[in-house]
Protein backbone atom coordinates (compact mmCIF):
# COMPACT_ATOMS: atom_id res chain seq x y z
CA MET A 1 -100.03 129.56 297.53
CA ARG A 2 -101.12 126.21 296.12
CA HIS A 3 -97.87 125.21 294.45
CA ARG A 4 -97.70 121.41 294.08
CA ASN A 5 -100.98 120.92 295.97
CA LYS A 6 -103.03 119.13 293.36
CA GLY A 7 -106.15 117.17 294.20
CA ARG A 8 -109.00 117.59 296.63
CA LYS A 9 -108.81 116.59 300.28
CA LEU A 10 -112.53 115.75 300.49
CA GLY A 11 -112.51 116.24 304.26
CA ARG A 12 -110.61 113.00 304.86
CA THR A 13 -107.18 111.91 305.99
CA ALA A 14 -104.72 110.78 303.34
CA GLU A 15 -105.23 107.10 304.26
CA HIS A 16 -109.01 107.38 304.14
CA ARG A 17 -108.88 109.23 300.82
CA GLU A 18 -106.61 106.59 299.25
CA MET A 19 -108.81 103.71 300.43
CA MET A 20 -111.94 105.51 299.22
CA LEU A 21 -110.42 105.94 295.75
CA ARG A 22 -109.32 102.29 295.69
CA ASN A 23 -112.82 101.13 296.62
CA MET A 24 -114.49 103.45 294.13
CA ALA A 25 -112.16 102.36 291.30
CA THR A 26 -112.83 98.71 292.13
CA SER A 27 -116.58 99.33 292.03
CA LEU A 28 -116.30 101.28 288.78
CA PHE A 29 -114.47 98.42 287.05
CA GLN A 30 -116.84 95.85 288.53
CA HIS A 31 -120.10 97.57 287.56
CA GLY A 32 -119.11 99.85 284.69
CA ARG A 33 -120.73 102.89 286.30
CA ILE A 34 -121.20 104.24 289.81
CA SER A 35 -123.10 107.14 291.33
CA THR A 36 -121.24 109.46 293.71
CA THR A 37 -120.77 113.15 294.41
CA THR A 38 -119.36 115.28 291.61
CA GLU A 39 -116.20 116.12 293.55
CA LYS A 40 -115.44 112.46 294.26
CA ALA A 41 -116.08 111.58 290.61
CA LYS A 42 -113.64 114.27 289.49
CA GLU A 43 -111.00 112.84 291.83
CA LEU A 44 -111.68 109.28 290.70
CA ARG A 45 -111.34 109.99 286.98
CA PRO A 46 -107.52 110.35 286.75
CA TYR A 47 -107.04 107.54 289.27
CA ALA A 48 -109.14 105.10 287.23
CA GLU A 49 -107.71 106.21 283.90
CA ARG A 50 -104.17 105.52 285.12
CA LEU A 51 -105.25 101.98 286.03
CA ILE A 52 -106.81 101.47 282.59
CA THR A 53 -103.56 102.63 281.00
CA LEU A 54 -101.73 100.00 283.05
CA ALA A 55 -104.23 97.39 281.83
CA LYS A 56 -103.56 98.44 278.25
CA ARG A 57 -99.85 97.76 278.79
CA GLY A 58 -100.70 94.36 280.17
CA ASP A 59 -97.24 93.21 281.28
CA LEU A 60 -96.47 91.64 284.63
CA HIS A 61 -95.14 94.83 286.20
CA ALA A 62 -98.29 96.73 285.20
CA ARG A 63 -100.44 93.92 286.62
CA ARG A 64 -98.62 94.07 289.94
CA GLN A 65 -98.89 97.85 290.09
CA ALA A 66 -102.63 97.65 289.47
CA ALA A 67 -102.98 94.80 291.98
CA SER A 68 -101.66 97.13 294.67
CA LYS A 69 -104.60 99.48 293.98
CA ILE A 70 -107.53 97.18 293.08
CA MET A 71 -109.31 95.61 296.04
CA ASP A 72 -110.75 92.50 294.36
CA ARG A 73 -108.83 89.85 292.43
CA ASP A 74 -111.74 89.10 290.08
CA VAL A 75 -112.01 92.80 289.22
CA LEU A 76 -108.27 92.87 288.50
CA PHE A 77 -108.69 90.01 286.01
CA ARG A 78 -111.66 91.82 284.44
CA LEU A 79 -109.60 95.01 284.15
CA PHE A 80 -106.75 93.28 282.33
CA ASP A 81 -108.76 90.75 280.28
CA ALA A 82 -111.79 92.83 279.21
CA ILE A 83 -111.42 96.54 279.94
CA GLY A 84 -107.78 97.03 278.90
CA PRO A 85 -108.14 95.42 275.45
CA ARG A 86 -111.43 97.27 274.93
CA PHE A 87 -109.58 100.60 275.07
CA ALA A 88 -106.44 99.42 273.22
CA GLU A 89 -106.94 101.85 270.33
CA ARG A 90 -108.14 104.77 272.46
CA ALA A 91 -105.61 107.37 273.61
CA GLY A 92 -107.20 108.41 276.92
CA GLY A 93 -110.63 109.62 277.92
CA TYR A 94 -111.90 106.25 279.14
CA THR A 95 -114.46 107.64 281.60
CA ARG A 96 -117.35 110.08 281.44
CA ILE A 97 -118.93 112.12 284.24
CA LEU A 98 -122.65 112.92 283.97
CA LYS A 99 -124.20 115.30 286.50
CA VAL A 100 -127.61 114.07 287.65
CA GLY A 101 -128.82 116.62 290.20
CA HIS A 102 -128.74 117.01 293.95
CA ARG A 103 -128.98 114.43 296.73
CA GLN A 104 -132.16 114.51 298.80
CA GLY A 105 -130.55 114.38 302.23
CA ASP A 106 -127.86 117.04 302.14
CA GLY A 107 -128.19 118.69 298.74
CA ALA A 108 -124.79 117.49 297.51
CA GLU A 109 -124.38 117.51 293.75
CA VAL A 110 -124.50 113.92 292.47
CA ALA A 111 -122.86 112.57 289.33
CA ILE A 112 -122.54 109.26 287.54
CA ILE A 113 -119.07 108.22 286.45
CA GLU A 114 -118.99 105.50 283.84
CA LEU A 115 -116.68 103.83 281.37
CA VAL A 116 -117.26 104.99 277.81
CA ASP A 117 -118.84 102.42 275.50
CA ARG A 118 -116.20 101.65 272.90
CA GLY A 119 -112.51 102.21 272.42
């Protein structure tokens, strides 16, 4: 039974999975969109949206919580100064996943995850 077993393991250890999500979220906030496999994008979506919700709050505690997850200080400032206020009026749904086909090398399904345009 899968009681309380939410999330995908993605063939990685817990530490590797957490660092991968931290790196992908940092890249997403830095570039606005990233290309990855569909499964990784589906795992990244709730992780990134929680961080955007923290940025919308904007207080010191939220900033410190986000700082423990974001890998780059400049990206943290961008998250709180640009991305958080951009979605101030939006109640969730900050990211979009677009499927773009299959990867040449191994046939994995590839998707683009991006921040939606306006709040």
